[in-house]
Amino acid sequence: SDGNKPSLNLKATELRLGLPGSESPERDPDNCLRSSS
């Protein structure tokens, strides 16, 4: 049923694989620095 929305599948795959995505705030270096502080 998700075949109509390949974009969502790609984003989900990136999140699952842990790939740096343009819309992945968790992968943002600034966010990591703020979390570490």
N, C-alpha and C. Protein backbone atom coordinates (compact mmCIF):
# COMPACT_ATOMS: atom_id res chain seq x y z
N SER A 1 0.85 -1.22 0.00
CA SER A 1 0.00 0.00 0.00
C SER A 1 0.87 1.26 0.00
N ASP A 2 2.12 1.10 0.47
CA ASP A 2 3.03 2.25 0.50
C ASP A 2 3.72 2.45 -0.84
N GLY A 3 3.37 1.61 -1.82
CA GLY A 3 4.01 1.69 -3.12
C GLY A 3 3.74 3.03 -3.79
N ASN A 4 2.67 3.70 -3.36
CA ASN A 4 2.34 5.00 -3.96
C ASN A 4 3.21 6.11 -3.37
N LYS A 5 3.89 5.82 -2.27
CA LYS A 5 4.70 6.86 -1.63
C LYS A 5 6.12 6.36 -1.40
N PRO A 6 6.91 6.26 -2.48
CA PRO A 6 8.30 5.80 -2.37
C PRO A 6 9.14 6.74 -1.52
N SER A 7 8.76 8.02 -1.48
CA SER A 7 9.52 9.01 -0.71
C SER A 7 9.53 8.62 0.76
N LEU A 8 8.36 8.20 1.27
CA LEU A 8 8.28 7.82 2.68
C LEU A 8 9.15 6.60 2.93
N ASN A 9 9.14 5.66 1.98
CA ASN A 9 9.94 4.45 2.14
C ASN A 9 11.42 4.80 2.18
N LEU A 10 11.83 5.73 1.32
CA LEU A 10 13.24 6.13 1.28
C LEU A 10 13.63 6.77 2.60
N LYS A 11 12.77 7.64 3.12
CA LYS A 11 13.08 8.32 4.38
C LYS A 11 13.14 7.30 5.51
N ALA A 12 12.20 6.38 5.52
CA ALA A 12 12.16 5.35 6.56
C ALA A 12 13.42 4.50 6.50
N THR A 13 13.84 4.18 5.28
CA THR A 13 15.04 3.36 5.10
C THR A 13 16.26 4.11 5.62
N GLU A 14 16.35 5.39 5.31
CA GLU A 14 17.49 6.19 5.77
C GLU A 14 17.52 6.23 7.29
N LEU A 15 16.36 6.41 7.91
CA LEU A 15 16.31 6.49 9.37
C LEU A 15 16.70 5.15 9.97
N ARG A 16 16.23 4.06 9.36
CA ARG A 16 16.53 2.73 9.89
C ARG A 16 18.01 2.40 9.72
N LEU A 17 18.56 2.80 8.59
CA LEU A 17 19.98 2.51 8.32
C LEU A 17 20.87 3.49 9.06
N GLY A 18 20.29 4.60 9.51
CA GLY A 18 21.08 5.59 10.23
C GLY A 18 21.85 6.48 9.27
N LEU A 19 21.34 6.63 8.06
CA LEU A 19 22.03 7.48 7.08
C LEU A 19 21.69 8.94 7.33
N PRO A 20 22.65 9.84 7.11
CA PRO A 20 22.41 11.27 7.29
C PRO A 20 21.43 11.81 6.27
N GLY A 21 20.26 12.21 6.71
CA GLY A 21 19.25 12.74 5.79
C GLY A 21 19.09 14.23 5.96
N SER A 22 18.62 14.91 4.92
CA SER A 22 18.46 16.36 4.98
C SER A 22 17.41 16.72 6.03
N GLU A 23 16.48 15.78 6.28
CA GLU A 23 15.42 16.05 7.25
C GLU A 23 15.60 15.17 8.49
N SER A 24 16.85 14.94 8.89
CA SER A 24 17.12 14.12 10.07
C SER A 24 17.82 14.96 11.13
N PRO A 25 17.06 15.64 11.99
CA PRO A 25 17.63 16.50 13.03
C PRO A 25 18.51 15.71 13.99
N GLU A 26 18.22 14.41 14.16
CA GLU A 26 19.01 13.59 15.08
C GLU A 26 20.43 13.42 14.57
N ARG A 27 20.62 13.54 13.24
CA ARG A 27 21.94 13.38 12.66
C ARG A 27 22.67 14.71 12.57
N ASP A 28 21.98 15.79 12.99
CA ASP A 28 22.58 17.12 12.89
C ASP A 28 23.69 17.28 13.92
N PRO A 29 24.89 17.71 13.50
CA PRO A 29 26.03 17.86 14.41
C PRO A 29 25.73 18.86 15.53
N ASP A 30 25.00 19.92 15.21
CA ASP A 30 24.67 20.92 16.22
C ASP A 30 23.81 20.29 17.31
N ASN A 31 22.89 19.42 16.88
CA ASN A 31 22.00 18.77 17.83
C ASN A 31 22.79 17.84 18.74
N CYS A 32 23.77 17.15 18.17
CA CYS A 32 24.59 16.23 18.96
C CYS A 32 25.39 17.01 20.00
N LEU A 33 25.93 18.16 19.59
CA LEU A 33 26.73 18.98 20.50
C LEU A 33 25.85 19.49 21.63
N ARG A 34 24.62 19.88 21.29
CA ARG A 34 23.72 20.41 22.32
C ARG A 34 23.35 19.31 23.30
N SER A 35 23.16 18.08 22.79
CA SER A 35 22.79 16.97 23.65
C SER A 35 23.95 16.61 24.58
N SER A 36 25.18 16.71 24.06
CA SER A 36 26.36 16.36 24.85
C SER A 36 26.60 17.39 25.94
N SER A 37 26.28 18.64 25.65
CA SER A 37 26.52 19.71 26.63
C SER A 37 25.56 19.54 27.81
